[in-house]
Amino acid sequence: MKKLLLILFTSVVMSFSVYAEDIEPLSSKMDAYVVMIDKEGNEKLEPADEVVPNDKIEYQLTYTNNTDNQLKGLVITGPIPKNTFFVSGTNNTKIKSEFVVSIDGGQTFESEPVKRIVMQDGKEVEVIIPPEKYTTIRWMPNVPIEAKEKQVFTYRIEVE
């Protein structure tokens, strides 16, 4: 199971990593780190070469504008691989952005909290879908990425 999980995790990270070999107007990369706690109780990030159940992983998505002009209309989408779940409240960026989530594999996105009407004891009740059910997350920055600027978006998942 451990080896299978490592292979699955590695293939997901690799499939979502993008590195510009030629200078493109926008380059991006996705790094994954295991969140470790040192002896003093401080968090430390280690490259996610191997993961096991209950590990917390921090994804760092970095976008770089390689031009001398602003780039507008970025949409930053982050995966939540199978056998993992999103850790609520860990989505971070210094960029003013709208943050939305998907519970259907990225077909639709909506703001948190995600709510649904379900039948319970013969009555319709509103329930909040927990972050563990998210399949994809997304930021839509309200500001452009300036010339030669980098923007970083981070979030955490936990391995089941």
C-alpha atoms as a PDB file:
ATOM      1  CA  MET A   1       0.000   0.000   0.000  1.00  0.00           C
ATOM      2  CA  LYS A   2       2.804   2.432   0.932  1.00  0.00           C
ATOM      3  CA  LYS A   3       4.600   1.835  -2.357  1.00  0.00           C
ATOM      4  CA  LEU A   4       1.368   2.153  -4.362  1.00  0.00           C
ATOM      5  CA  LEU A   5       0.524   5.405  -2.612  1.00  0.00           C
ATOM      6  CA  LEU A   6       3.998   6.777  -3.349  1.00  0.00           C
ATOM      7  CA  ILE A   7       3.678   5.888  -7.037  1.00  0.00           C
ATOM      8  CA  LEU A   8       0.201   7.422  -7.225  1.00  0.00           C
ATOM      9  CA  PHE A   9       1.298  10.575  -5.412  1.00  0.00           C
ATOM     10  CA  THR A  10       4.441  10.972  -7.504  1.00  0.00           C
ATOM     11  CA  SER A  11       2.531  10.558 -10.761  1.00  0.00           C
ATOM     12  CA  VAL A  12      -0.038  13.146  -9.696  1.00  0.00           C
ATOM     13  CA  VAL A  13       2.631  15.673  -8.746  1.00  0.00           C
ATOM     14  CA  MET A  14       4.519  15.051 -11.961  1.00  0.00           C
ATOM     15  CA  SER A  15       1.371  15.298 -14.090  1.00  0.00           C
ATOM     16  CA  PHE A  16       0.545  18.696 -12.628  1.00  0.00           C
ATOM     17  CA  SER A  17       4.083  20.110 -12.697  1.00  0.00           C
ATOM     18  CA  VAL A  18       4.799  22.507 -15.522  1.00  0.00           C
ATOM     19  CA  TYR A  19       8.252  23.877 -16.215  1.00  0.00           C
ATOM     20  CA  ALA A  20       8.881  26.177 -19.154  1.00  0.00           C
ATOM     21  CA  GLU A  21      11.882  24.987 -21.129  1.00  0.00           C
ATOM     22  CA  ASP A  22      11.687  27.916 -23.535  1.00  0.00           C
ATOM     23  CA  ILE A  23      10.853  31.297 -22.115  1.00  0.00           C
ATOM     24  CA  GLU A  24       7.072  31.430 -22.248  1.00  0.00           C
ATOM     25  CA  PRO A  25       5.091  34.540 -21.288  1.00  0.00           C
ATOM     26  CA  LEU A  26       3.895  32.714 -18.174  1.00  0.00           C
ATOM     27  CA  SER A  27       5.760  29.880 -16.492  1.00  0.00           C
ATOM     28  CA  SER A  28       4.495  27.810 -13.619  1.00  0.00           C
ATOM     29  CA  LYS A  29       5.645  25.061 -11.340  1.00  0.00           C
ATOM     30  CA  MET A  30       4.101  22.993  -8.598  1.00  0.00           C
ATOM     31  CA  ASP A  31       6.198  21.764  -5.684  1.00  0.00           C
ATOM     32  CA  ALA A  32       5.069  19.334  -2.995  1.00  0.00           C
ATOM     33  CA  TYR A  33       6.445  19.196   0.552  1.00  0.00           C
ATOM     34  CA  VAL A  34       5.733  16.975   3.537  1.00  0.00           C
ATOM     35  CA  VAL A  35       4.939  19.109   6.585  1.00  0.00           C
ATOM     36  CA  MET A  36       7.188  17.887   9.399  1.00  0.00           C
ATOM     37  CA  ILE A  37       7.278  18.978  13.050  1.00  0.00           C
ATOM     38  CA  ASP A  38      10.765  19.310  14.557  1.00  0.00           C
ATOM     39  CA  LYS A  39      11.741  18.627  18.193  1.00  0.00           C
ATOM     40  CA  GLU A  40      10.895  22.211  19.167  1.00  0.00           C
ATOM     41  CA  GLY A  41       7.394  21.869  17.678  1.00  0.00           C
ATOM     42  CA  ASN A  42       8.113  24.053  14.649  1.00  0.00           C
ATOM     43  CA  GLU A  43       6.929  23.184  11.172  1.00  0.00           C
ATOM     44  CA  LYS A  44       9.550  22.223   8.617  1.00  0.00           C
ATOM     45  CA  LEU A  45       8.920  21.457   4.938  1.00  0.00           C
ATOM     46  CA  GLU A  46      10.720  18.498   3.351  1.00  0.00           C
ATOM     47  CA  PRO A  47      10.468  17.536  -0.350  1.00  0.00           C
ATOM     48  CA  ALA A  48       7.640  15.026  -0.771  1.00  0.00           C
ATOM     49  CA  ASP A  49       9.709  12.194  -2.194  1.00  0.00           C
ATOM     50  CA  GLU A  50       7.708   9.626  -0.228  1.00  0.00           C
ATOM     51  CA  VAL A  51       4.400   9.907   1.594  1.00  0.00           C
ATOM     52  CA  VAL A  52       2.469   7.664   3.945  1.00  0.00           C
ATOM     53  CA  PRO A  53      -1.048   7.813   5.397  1.00  0.00           C
ATOM     54  CA  ASN A  54      -1.657  10.802   7.695  1.00  0.00           C
ATOM     55  CA  ASP A  55       1.145  12.870   6.132  1.00  0.00           C
ATOM     56  CA  LYS A  56       0.243  16.494   5.501  1.00  0.00           C
ATOM     57  CA  ILE A  57       1.480  17.768   2.151  1.00  0.00           C
ATOM     58  CA  GLU A  58       1.881  21.416   1.209  1.00  0.00           C
ATOM     59  CA  TYR A  59       1.566  22.267  -2.458  1.00  0.00           C
ATOM     60  CA  GLN A  60       3.226  25.467  -3.647  1.00  0.00           C
ATOM     61  CA  LEU A  61       2.097  26.707  -7.052  1.00  0.00           C
ATOM     62  CA  THR A  62       4.386  29.425  -8.410  1.00  0.00           C
ATOM     63  CA  TYR A  63       3.493  31.508 -11.464  1.00  0.00           C
ATOM     64  CA  THR A  64       6.063  33.820 -13.067  1.00  0.00           C
ATOM     65  CA  ASN A  65       5.370  36.535 -15.619  1.00  0.00           C
ATOM     66  CA  ASN A  66       8.374  36.442 -17.961  1.00  0.00           C
ATOM     67  CA  THR A  67       7.253  39.468 -20.000  1.00  0.00           C
ATOM     68  CA  ASP A  68       7.567  43.213 -19.624  1.00  0.00           C
ATOM     69  CA  ASN A  69       3.768  43.567 -19.512  1.00  0.00           C
ATOM     70  CA  GLN A  70       0.982  42.681 -17.091  1.00  0.00           C
ATOM     71  CA  LEU A  71      -0.794  39.366 -17.566  1.00  0.00           C
ATOM     72  CA  LYS A  72      -4.478  39.354 -16.671  1.00  0.00           C
ATOM     73  CA  GLY A  73      -7.129  36.705 -16.278  1.00  0.00           C
ATOM     74  CA  LEU A  74      -5.107  34.021 -14.511  1.00  0.00           C
ATOM     75  CA  VAL A  75      -7.021  31.082 -13.087  1.00  0.00           C
ATOM     76  CA  ILE A  76      -4.995  28.951 -10.680  1.00  0.00           C
ATOM     77  CA  THR A  77      -6.312  25.410 -10.228  1.00  0.00           C
ATOM     78  CA  GLY A  78      -4.930  22.920  -7.706  1.00  0.00           C
ATOM     79  CA  PRO A  79      -5.632  19.186  -7.632  1.00  0.00           C
ATOM     80  CA  ILE A  80      -6.667  17.141  -4.661  1.00  0.00           C
ATOM     81  CA  PRO A  81      -5.408  13.666  -5.592  1.00  0.00           C
ATOM     82  CA  LYS A  82      -7.285  10.465  -4.817  1.00  0.00           C
ATOM     83  CA  ASN A  83      -6.492   9.047  -1.371  1.00  0.00           C
ATOM     84  CA  THR A  84      -6.018  12.579  -0.005  1.00  0.00           C
ATOM     85  CA  PHE A  85      -8.274  15.351   1.269  1.00  0.00           C
ATOM     86  CA  PHE A  86      -8.069  19.141   1.446  1.00  0.00           C
ATOM     87  CA  VAL A  87      -7.090  20.585   4.826  1.00  0.00           C
ATOM     88  CA  SER A  88      -9.578  23.369   5.518  1.00  0.00           C
ATOM     89  CA  GLY A  89      -8.226  26.891   5.858  1.00  0.00           C
ATOM     90  CA  THR A  90      -4.808  26.180   4.336  1.00  0.00           C
ATOM     91  CA  ASN A  91      -5.365  27.987   1.034  1.00  0.00           C
ATOM     92  CA  ASN A  92      -3.015  30.982   1.036  1.00  0.00           C
ATOM     93  CA  THR A  93      -1.770  33.672  -1.300  1.00  0.00           C
ATOM     94  CA  LYS A  94      -0.705  37.291  -0.908  1.00  0.00           C
ATOM     95  CA  ILE A  95      -2.723  38.136  -4.016  1.00  0.00           C
ATOM     96  CA  LYS A  96      -6.273  39.432  -3.623  1.00  0.00           C
ATOM     97  CA  SER A  97      -8.232  36.533  -5.112  1.00  0.00           C
ATOM     98  CA  GLU A  98     -11.536  34.763  -5.146  1.00  0.00           C
ATOM     99  CA  PHE A  99     -11.160  31.217  -3.785  1.00  0.00           C
ATOM    100  CA  VAL A 100     -13.585  28.530  -4.978  1.00  0.00           C
ATOM    101  CA  VAL A 101     -13.801  24.760  -4.659  1.00  0.00           C
ATOM    102  CA  SER A 102     -15.212  21.838  -6.609  1.00  0.00           C
ATOM    103  CA  ILE A 103     -16.839  18.661  -5.339  1.00  0.00           C
ATOM    104  CA  ASP A 104     -17.378  17.175  -8.816  1.00  0.00           C
ATOM    105  CA  GLY A 105     -13.902  16.762 -10.236  1.00  0.00           C
ATOM    106  CA  GLY A 106     -13.565  20.351 -11.426  1.00  0.00           C
ATOM    107  CA  GLN A 107     -16.696  20.533 -13.575  1.00  0.00           C
ATOM    108  CA  THR A 108     -18.218  23.265 -11.384  1.00  0.00           C
ATOM    109  CA  PHE A 109     -16.797  25.570  -8.711  1.00  0.00           C
ATOM    110  CA  GLU A 110     -18.421  27.483  -5.862  1.00  0.00           C
ATOM    111  CA  SER A 111     -17.505  29.527  -2.810  1.00  0.00           C
ATOM    112  CA  GLU A 112     -17.219  28.003   0.638  1.00  0.00           C
ATOM    113  CA  PRO A 113     -19.118  26.798   2.499  1.00  0.00           C
ATOM    114  CA  VAL A 114     -20.507  24.371  -0.078  1.00  0.00           C
ATOM    115  CA  LYS A 115     -24.144  23.678   0.782  1.00  0.00           C
ATOM    116  CA  ARG A 116     -26.666  21.169  -0.512  1.00  0.00           C
ATOM    117  CA  ILE A 117     -30.317  20.394   0.215  1.00  0.00           C
ATOM    118  CA  VAL A 118     -30.829  16.730   1.143  1.00  0.00           C
ATOM    119  CA  MET A 119     -33.740  14.669   2.398  1.00  0.00           C
ATOM    120  CA  GLN A 120     -33.397  13.722   6.051  1.00  0.00           C
ATOM    121  CA  ASP A 121     -36.203  12.012   7.974  1.00  0.00           C
ATOM    122  CA  GLY A 122     -38.630  12.979   5.203  1.00  0.00           C
ATOM    123  CA  LYS A 123     -37.690  16.665   5.348  1.00  0.00           C
ATOM    124  CA  GLU A 124     -35.469  18.817   3.190  1.00  0.00           C
ATOM    125  CA  VAL A 125     -32.500  20.091   5.179  1.00  0.00           C
ATOM    126  CA  GLU A 126     -29.476  22.132   4.202  1.00  0.00           C
ATOM    127  CA  VAL A 127     -26.124  20.475   4.869  1.00  0.00           C
ATOM    128  CA  ILE A 128     -22.589  21.782   4.516  1.00  0.00           C
ATOM    129  CA  ILE A 129     -20.315  19.611   2.404  1.00  0.00           C
ATOM    130  CA  PRO A 130     -17.054  19.122   4.356  1.00  0.00           C
ATOM    131  CA  PRO A 131     -13.666  20.029   2.822  1.00  0.00           C
ATOM    132  CA  GLU A 132     -12.830  16.316   2.783  1.00  0.00           C
ATOM    133  CA  LYS A 133     -15.214  16.042  -0.199  1.00  0.00           C
ATOM    134  CA  TYR A 134     -13.454  18.698  -2.309  1.00  0.00           C
ATOM    135  CA  THR A 135     -11.872  17.369  -5.486  1.00  0.00           C
ATOM    136  CA  THR A 136     -10.247  20.527  -6.863  1.00  0.00           C
ATOM    137  CA  ILE A 137      -9.567  24.056  -5.645  1.00  0.00           C
ATOM    138  CA  ARG A 138      -9.144  27.285  -7.574  1.00  0.00           C
ATOM    139  CA  TRP A 139      -8.041  30.895  -7.146  1.00  0.00           C
ATOM    140  CA  MET A 140      -9.129  33.676  -9.488  1.00  0.00           C
ATOM    141  CA  PRO A 141      -6.831  36.645  -8.804  1.00  0.00           C
ATOM    142  CA  ASN A 142      -8.465  40.079  -8.820  1.00  0.00           C
ATOM    143  CA  VAL A 143      -5.162  41.692  -9.852  1.00  0.00           C
ATOM    144  CA  PRO A 144      -2.875  41.022 -12.808  1.00  0.00           C
ATOM    145  CA  ILE A 145       0.531  39.459 -12.477  1.00  0.00           C
ATOM    146  CA  GLU A 146       2.919  42.341 -13.070  1.00  0.00           C
ATOM    147  CA  ALA A 147       5.937  42.264 -15.400  1.00  0.00           C
ATOM    148  CA  LYS A 148       8.641  39.889 -14.082  1.00  0.00           C
ATOM    149  CA  GLU A 149       6.539  39.199 -10.960  1.00  0.00           C
ATOM    150  CA  LYS A 150       6.018  35.856  -9.227  1.00  0.00           C
ATOM    151  CA  GLN A 151       2.785  34.903  -7.520  1.00  0.00           C
ATOM    152  CA  VAL A 152       2.655  31.956  -5.115  1.00  0.00           C
ATOM    153  CA  PHE A 153      -0.431  29.986  -4.090  1.00  0.00           C
ATOM    154  CA  THR A 154      -0.254  27.313  -1.372  1.00  0.00           C
ATOM    155  CA  TYR A 155      -2.577  24.756   0.151  1.00  0.00           C
ATOM    156  CA  ARG A 156      -2.372  21.531   2.092  1.00  0.00           C
ATOM    157  CA  ILE A 157      -3.793  18.082   1.718  1.00  0.00           C
ATOM    158  CA  GLU A 158      -3.630  15.068   4.010  1.00  0.00           C
ATOM    159  CA  VAL A 159      -2.922  11.531   2.834  1.00  0.00           C
ATOM    160  CA  GLU A 160      -5.628   9.045   3.846  1.00  0.00           C
END
